[in-house]
Amino acid sequence: MESQMGEAQTELGALKLEVKKLLEENQRLTTENEQLRKVLKREAGEPGEAPAAGKRAKSAASEEEPKADVIGEGHDNLARLYHEGFHICNVYYGHLRTEGDCLFCLSFLNK
């Protein structure tokens, strides 16, 4: 009877760990889902031109701008992604940041 109780206790401990993992994953996915919804609302809610006209305007503007501005635009896009809660470093690129600031990402932004 004692051995059965020990086995049940071991099994209960394993189940607790599995539930903890599932709860953490659920929280991570919920946070990521919220971030993606914010991005989608921001992009869909922006008043502006039709998509085709916007592409034409961007291509005409990019022909006139020097290459330094194009590099700056890419940097701005990466900074925006980082501030939305995603990694931009080569180690975790695209993953959701869950533990605050990432030193790899910050060093990349400061270059």
N, C-alpha and C. Protein backbone atom coordinates (compact mmCIF):
# COMPACT_ATOMS: atom_id res chain seq x y z
N MET A 1 0.82 -1.18 0.00
CA MET A 1 0.00 0.00 0.00
C MET A 1 0.88 1.26 0.00
N GLU A 2 1.98 1.22 0.77
CA GLU A 2 2.89 2.37 0.80
C GLU A 2 3.55 2.59 -0.56
N SER A 3 3.90 1.51 -1.22
CA SER A 3 4.54 1.66 -2.54
C SER A 3 3.55 2.24 -3.55
N GLN A 4 2.29 1.86 -3.46
CA GLN A 4 1.27 2.42 -4.35
C GLN A 4 1.08 3.91 -4.07
N MET A 5 1.11 4.29 -2.81
CA MET A 5 0.99 5.71 -2.45
C MET A 5 2.19 6.49 -2.98
N GLY A 6 3.37 5.90 -2.91
CA GLY A 6 4.58 6.55 -3.44
C GLY A 6 4.49 6.75 -4.94
N GLU A 7 4.00 5.71 -5.63
CA GLU A 7 3.84 5.80 -7.08
C GLU A 7 2.80 6.86 -7.44
N ALA A 8 1.71 6.89 -6.67
CA ALA A 8 0.67 7.89 -6.93
C ALA A 8 1.20 9.30 -6.70
N GLN A 9 2.02 9.46 -5.66
CA GLN A 9 2.60 10.77 -5.38
C GLN A 9 3.57 11.19 -6.48
N THR A 10 4.36 10.27 -6.99
CA THR A 10 5.28 10.55 -8.09
C THR A 10 4.50 10.94 -9.34
N GLU A 11 3.44 10.20 -9.61
CA GLU A 11 2.61 10.51 -10.78
C GLU A 11 1.93 11.87 -10.64
N LEU A 12 1.49 12.19 -9.44
CA LEU A 12 0.87 13.48 -9.18
C LEU A 12 1.88 14.61 -9.39
N GLY A 13 3.11 14.41 -8.96
CA GLY A 13 4.17 15.42 -9.17
C GLY A 13 4.42 15.64 -10.65
N ALA A 14 4.45 14.56 -11.42
CA ALA A 14 4.66 14.68 -12.87
C ALA A 14 3.50 15.42 -13.52
N LEU A 15 2.29 15.13 -13.08
CA LEU A 15 1.12 15.81 -13.63
C LEU A 15 1.14 17.30 -13.29
N LYS A 16 1.57 17.64 -12.08
CA LYS A 16 1.67 19.05 -11.69
C LYS A 16 2.66 19.78 -12.59
N LEU A 17 3.79 19.15 -12.88
CA LEU A 17 4.78 19.77 -13.78
C LEU A 17 4.22 19.98 -15.18
N GLU A 18 3.47 18.99 -15.65
CA GLU A 18 2.87 19.09 -16.99
C GLU A 18 1.84 20.21 -17.03
N VAL A 19 1.02 20.32 -15.99
CA VAL A 19 0.03 21.40 -15.92
C VAL A 19 0.74 22.75 -15.89
N LYS A 20 1.82 22.85 -15.15
CA LYS A 20 2.59 24.11 -15.07
C LYS A 20 3.11 24.49 -16.45
N LYS A 21 3.68 23.53 -17.18
CA LYS A 21 4.17 23.79 -18.53
C LYS A 21 3.06 24.28 -19.44
N LEU A 22 1.90 23.61 -19.36
CA LEU A 22 0.77 23.98 -20.21
C LEU A 22 0.25 25.38 -19.88
N LEU A 23 0.21 25.71 -18.60
CA LEU A 23 -0.24 27.05 -18.20
C LEU A 23 0.73 28.13 -18.69
N GLU A 24 2.04 27.86 -18.60
CA GLU A 24 3.03 28.82 -19.08
C GLU A 24 2.91 29.00 -20.59
N GLU A 25 2.74 27.90 -21.30
CA GLU A 25 2.59 27.98 -22.76
C GLU A 25 1.32 28.73 -23.13
N ASN A 26 0.24 28.48 -22.40
CA ASN A 26 -1.01 29.17 -22.64
C ASN A 26 -0.84 30.67 -22.44
N GLN A 27 -0.16 31.06 -21.38
CA GLN A 27 0.06 32.48 -21.11
C GLN A 27 0.92 33.12 -22.21
N ARG A 28 1.95 32.40 -22.63
CA ARG A 28 2.83 32.91 -23.69
C ARG A 28 2.04 33.10 -24.99
N LEU A 29 1.22 32.12 -25.34
CA LEU A 29 0.44 32.21 -26.57
C LEU A 29 -0.62 33.29 -26.48
N THR A 30 -1.21 33.47 -25.30
CA THR A 30 -2.20 34.54 -25.12
C THR A 30 -1.56 35.90 -25.31
N THR A 31 -0.37 36.08 -24.73
CA THR A 31 0.35 37.36 -24.87
C THR A 31 0.73 37.60 -26.33
N GLU A 32 1.23 36.57 -26.98
CA GLU A 32 1.61 36.71 -28.39
C GLU A 32 0.38 37.03 -29.24
N ASN A 33 -0.73 36.40 -28.96
CA ASN A 33 -1.97 36.64 -29.69
C ASN A 33 -2.42 38.09 -29.52
N GLU A 34 -2.34 38.61 -28.30
CA GLU A 34 -2.72 40.00 -28.05
C GLU A 34 -1.82 40.96 -28.84
N GLN A 35 -0.51 40.67 -28.84
CA GLN A 35 0.43 41.52 -29.58
C GLN A 35 0.09 41.51 -31.07
N LEU A 36 -0.18 40.34 -31.61
CA LEU A 36 -0.49 40.24 -33.03
C LEU A 36 -1.80 40.94 -33.37
N ARG A 37 -2.79 40.88 -32.47
CA ARG A 37 -4.04 41.59 -32.70
C ARG A 37 -3.82 43.09 -32.70
N LYS A 38 -2.96 43.58 -31.80
CA LYS A 38 -2.66 45.02 -31.78
C LYS A 38 -2.03 45.45 -33.09
N VAL A 39 -1.09 44.65 -33.57
CA VAL A 39 -0.42 44.97 -34.84
C VAL A 39 -1.42 44.95 -35.98
N LEU A 40 -2.28 43.95 -36.00
CA LEU A 40 -3.28 43.84 -37.06
C LEU A 40 -4.24 45.02 -37.02
N LYS A 41 -4.71 45.41 -35.84
CA LYS A 41 -5.60 46.56 -35.72
C LYS A 41 -4.92 47.83 -36.18
N ARG A 42 -3.65 48.00 -35.80
CA ARG A 42 -2.92 49.20 -36.18
C ARG A 42 -2.75 49.28 -37.69
N GLU A 43 -2.42 48.15 -38.31
CA GLU A 43 -2.23 48.15 -39.76
C GLU A 43 -3.55 48.29 -40.50
N ALA A 44 -4.60 47.66 -40.01
CA ALA A 44 -5.90 47.74 -40.67
C ALA A 44 -6.59 49.07 -40.40
N GLY A 45 -6.28 49.69 -39.28
CA GLY A 45 -6.95 50.92 -38.91
C GLY A 45 -6.29 52.17 -39.42
N GLU A 46 -5.14 52.06 -40.05
CA GLU A 46 -4.45 53.23 -40.56
C GLU A 46 -5.20 53.81 -41.75
N PRO A 47 -5.64 55.04 -41.65
CA PRO A 47 -6.27 55.66 -42.82
C PRO A 47 -5.20 55.95 -43.87
N GLY A 48 -5.55 55.80 -45.11
CA GLY A 48 -4.56 56.07 -46.14
C GLY A 48 -5.05 55.68 -47.51
N GLU A 49 -4.09 55.49 -48.36
CA GLU A 49 -4.39 55.19 -49.75
C GLU A 49 -4.72 53.72 -49.92
N ALA A 50 -5.19 53.38 -51.09
CA ALA A 50 -5.42 51.98 -51.44
C ALA A 50 -4.06 51.29 -51.50
N PRO A 51 -4.00 49.98 -51.28
CA PRO A 51 -2.71 49.29 -51.25
C PRO A 51 -1.89 49.47 -52.53
N ALA A 52 -2.53 49.43 -53.69
CA ALA A 52 -1.77 49.57 -54.94
C ALA A 52 -1.19 50.97 -55.06
N ALA A 53 -1.98 51.98 -54.70
CA ALA A 53 -1.49 53.35 -54.79
C ALA A 53 -0.37 53.57 -53.79
N GLY A 54 -0.46 52.95 -52.62
CA GLY A 54 0.59 53.08 -51.60
C GLY A 54 1.89 52.49 -52.08
N LYS A 55 1.82 51.36 -52.78
CA LYS A 55 3.03 50.73 -53.29
C LYS A 55 3.67 51.61 -54.34
N ARG A 56 2.85 52.21 -55.22
CA ARG A 56 3.40 53.09 -56.24
C ARG A 56 4.07 54.30 -55.62
N ALA A 57 3.44 54.86 -54.61
CA ALA A 57 4.00 56.05 -53.96
C ALA A 57 5.31 55.70 -53.27
N LYS A 58 5.38 54.54 -52.64
CA LYS A 58 6.60 54.13 -51.95
C LYS A 58 7.73 53.88 -52.95
N SER A 59 7.41 53.24 -54.09
CA SER A 59 8.46 52.95 -55.05
C SER A 59 8.98 54.24 -55.68
N ALA A 60 8.11 55.20 -55.94
CA ALA A 60 8.56 56.47 -56.49
C ALA A 60 9.40 57.23 -55.48
N ALA A 61 9.01 57.17 -54.23
CA ALA A 61 9.77 57.86 -53.19
C ALA A 61 11.12 57.20 -52.97
N SER A 62 11.17 55.88 -53.07
CA SER A 62 12.44 55.20 -52.84
C SER A 62 13.44 55.46 -53.96
N GLU A 63 12.96 55.74 -55.16
CA GLU A 63 13.87 56.06 -56.25
C GLU A 63 14.56 57.40 -56.01
N GLU A 64 13.88 58.32 -55.36
CA GLU A 64 14.43 59.65 -55.13
C GLU A 64 15.28 59.72 -53.87
N GLU A 65 15.05 58.84 -52.87
CA GLU A 65 15.75 58.91 -51.60
C GLU A 65 17.12 58.27 -51.71
N PRO A 66 18.08 58.77 -50.97
CA PRO A 66 19.39 58.10 -50.93
C PRO A 66 19.30 56.80 -50.15
N LYS A 67 20.32 55.95 -50.31
CA LYS A 67 20.30 54.64 -49.66
C LYS A 67 20.34 54.75 -48.15
N ALA A 68 20.89 55.79 -47.60
CA ALA A 68 20.95 55.95 -46.15
C ALA A 68 19.55 56.00 -45.54
N ASP A 69 18.60 56.60 -46.23
CA ASP A 69 17.24 56.66 -45.72
C ASP A 69 16.58 55.29 -45.73
N VAL A 70 16.89 54.48 -46.73
CA VAL A 70 16.33 53.14 -46.80
C VAL A 70 16.85 52.30 -45.63
N ILE A 71 18.13 52.44 -45.32
CA ILE A 71 18.70 51.72 -44.18
C ILE A 71 18.04 52.20 -42.90
N GLY A 72 17.81 53.49 -42.77
CA GLY A 72 17.15 54.03 -41.60
C GLY A 72 15.73 53.51 -41.45
N GLU A 73 15.05 53.34 -42.56
CA GLU A 73 13.68 52.82 -42.53
C GLU A 73 13.66 51.39 -42.02
N GLY A 74 14.61 50.58 -42.46
CA GLY A 74 14.70 49.20 -41.97
C GLY A 74 14.99 49.15 -40.49
N HIS A 75 15.89 50.02 -40.05
CA HIS A 75 16.22 50.09 -38.63
C HIS A 75 14.99 50.49 -37.82
N ASP A 76 14.22 51.44 -38.34
CA ASP A 76 13.00 51.87 -37.66
C ASP A 76 11.99 50.73 -37.57
N ASN A 77 11.90 49.94 -38.63
CA ASN A 77 10.97 48.80 -38.61
C ASN A 77 11.39 47.77 -37.56
N LEU A 78 12.69 47.51 -37.46
CA LEU A 78 13.18 46.57 -36.45
C LEU A 78 12.94 47.11 -35.05
N ALA A 79 13.17 48.41 -34.86
CA ALA A 79 12.92 49.02 -33.55
C ALA A 79 11.45 48.92 -33.19
N ARG A 80 10.57 49.11 -34.17
CA ARG A 80 9.13 49.00 -33.92
C ARG A 80 8.78 47.58 -33.51
N LEU A 81 9.33 46.59 -34.21
CA LEU A 81 9.07 45.20 -33.86
C LEU A 81 9.55 44.89 -32.45
N TYR A 82 10.73 45.41 -32.09
CA TYR A 82 11.27 45.17 -30.76
C TYR A 82 10.35 45.77 -29.70
N HIS A 83 9.86 46.98 -29.94
CA HIS A 83 9.00 47.63 -28.96
C HIS A 83 7.61 47.00 -28.91
N GLU A 84 7.25 46.24 -29.94
CA GLU A 84 5.98 45.51 -29.91
C GLU A 84 6.12 44.20 -29.14
N GLY A 85 7.35 43.86 -28.75
CA GLY A 85 7.56 42.69 -27.91
C GLY A 85 8.18 41.49 -28.59
N PHE A 86 8.80 41.68 -29.74
CA PHE A 86 9.40 40.57 -30.45
C PHE A 86 10.93 40.73 -30.49
N HIS A 87 11.63 39.61 -30.54
CA HIS A 87 13.09 39.63 -30.66
C HIS A 87 13.48 40.02 -32.09
N ILE A 88 14.55 40.79 -32.21
CA ILE A 88 15.09 41.13 -33.52
C ILE A 88 16.54 40.65 -33.66
N CYS A 89 17.05 40.01 -32.62
CA CYS A 89 18.43 39.51 -32.66
C CYS A 89 18.48 38.21 -33.46
N ASN A 90 19.69 37.84 -33.87
CA ASN A 90 19.84 36.63 -34.67
C ASN A 90 19.65 35.36 -33.83
N VAL A 91 19.66 35.48 -32.52
CA VAL A 91 19.52 34.31 -31.66
C VAL A 91 18.07 33.87 -31.55
N TYR A 92 17.15 34.82 -31.33
CA TYR A 92 15.75 34.50 -31.10
C TYR A 92 14.82 35.24 -32.05
N TYR A 93 15.26 35.59 -33.23
CA TYR A 93 14.50 36.45 -34.13
C TYR A 93 13.06 35.98 -34.30
N GLY A 94 12.12 36.90 -34.08
CA GLY A 94 10.72 36.62 -34.29
C GLY A 94 9.99 36.03 -33.10
N HIS A 95 10.73 35.57 -32.10
CA HIS A 95 10.08 35.02 -30.92
C HIS A 95 9.59 36.16 -30.02
N LEU A 96 8.57 35.88 -29.27
CA LEU A 96 8.00 36.85 -28.35
C LEU A 96 8.95 37.04 -27.16
N ARG A 97 9.21 38.30 -26.79
CA ARG A 97 10.04 38.58 -25.61
C ARG A 97 9.15 38.46 -24.38
N THR A 98 9.49 37.54 -23.48
CA THR A 98 8.68 37.33 -22.30
C THR A 98 9.37 37.77 -21.02
N GLU A 99 10.67 37.96 -21.06
CA GLU A 99 11.42 38.26 -19.84
C GLU A 99 12.05 39.64 -19.88
N GLY A 100 11.39 40.62 -20.43
CA GLY A 100 11.95 41.97 -20.45
C GLY A 100 12.86 42.19 -21.64
N ASP A 101 13.85 43.06 -21.44
CA ASP A 101 14.76 43.42 -22.53
C ASP A 101 15.76 42.32 -22.83
N CYS A 102 16.15 42.24 -24.09
CA CYS A 102 17.14 41.26 -24.55
C CYS A 102 18.42 42.02 -24.88
N LEU A 103 19.52 41.61 -24.29
CA LEU A 103 20.79 42.31 -24.51
C LEU A 103 21.26 42.18 -25.95
N PHE A 104 20.99 41.04 -26.58
CA PHE A 104 21.38 40.86 -27.99
C PHE A 104 20.63 41.86 -28.87
N CYS A 105 19.32 41.97 -28.63
CA CYS A 105 18.50 42.89 -29.42
C CYS A 105 18.94 44.34 -29.19
N LEU A 106 19.18 44.69 -27.94
CA LEU A 106 19.58 46.06 -27.62
C LEU A 106 20.92 46.41 -28.25
N SER A 107 21.87 45.46 -28.22
CA SER A 107 23.17 45.74 -28.84
C SER A 107 23.01 45.89 -30.35
N PHE A 108 22.09 45.12 -30.94
CA PHE A 108 21.83 45.25 -32.39
C PHE A 108 21.23 46.61 -32.70
N LEU A 109 20.31 47.08 -31.87
CA LEU A 109 19.67 48.39 -32.10
C LEU A 109 20.68 49.53 -31.93
N ASN A 110 21.65 49.36 -31.05
CA ASN A 110 22.61 50.43 -30.78
C ASN A 110 23.73 50.51 -31.81
N LYS A 111 23.82 49.56 -32.72
CA LYS A 111 24.87 49.58 -33.74
C LYS A 111 24.63 50.69 -34.73
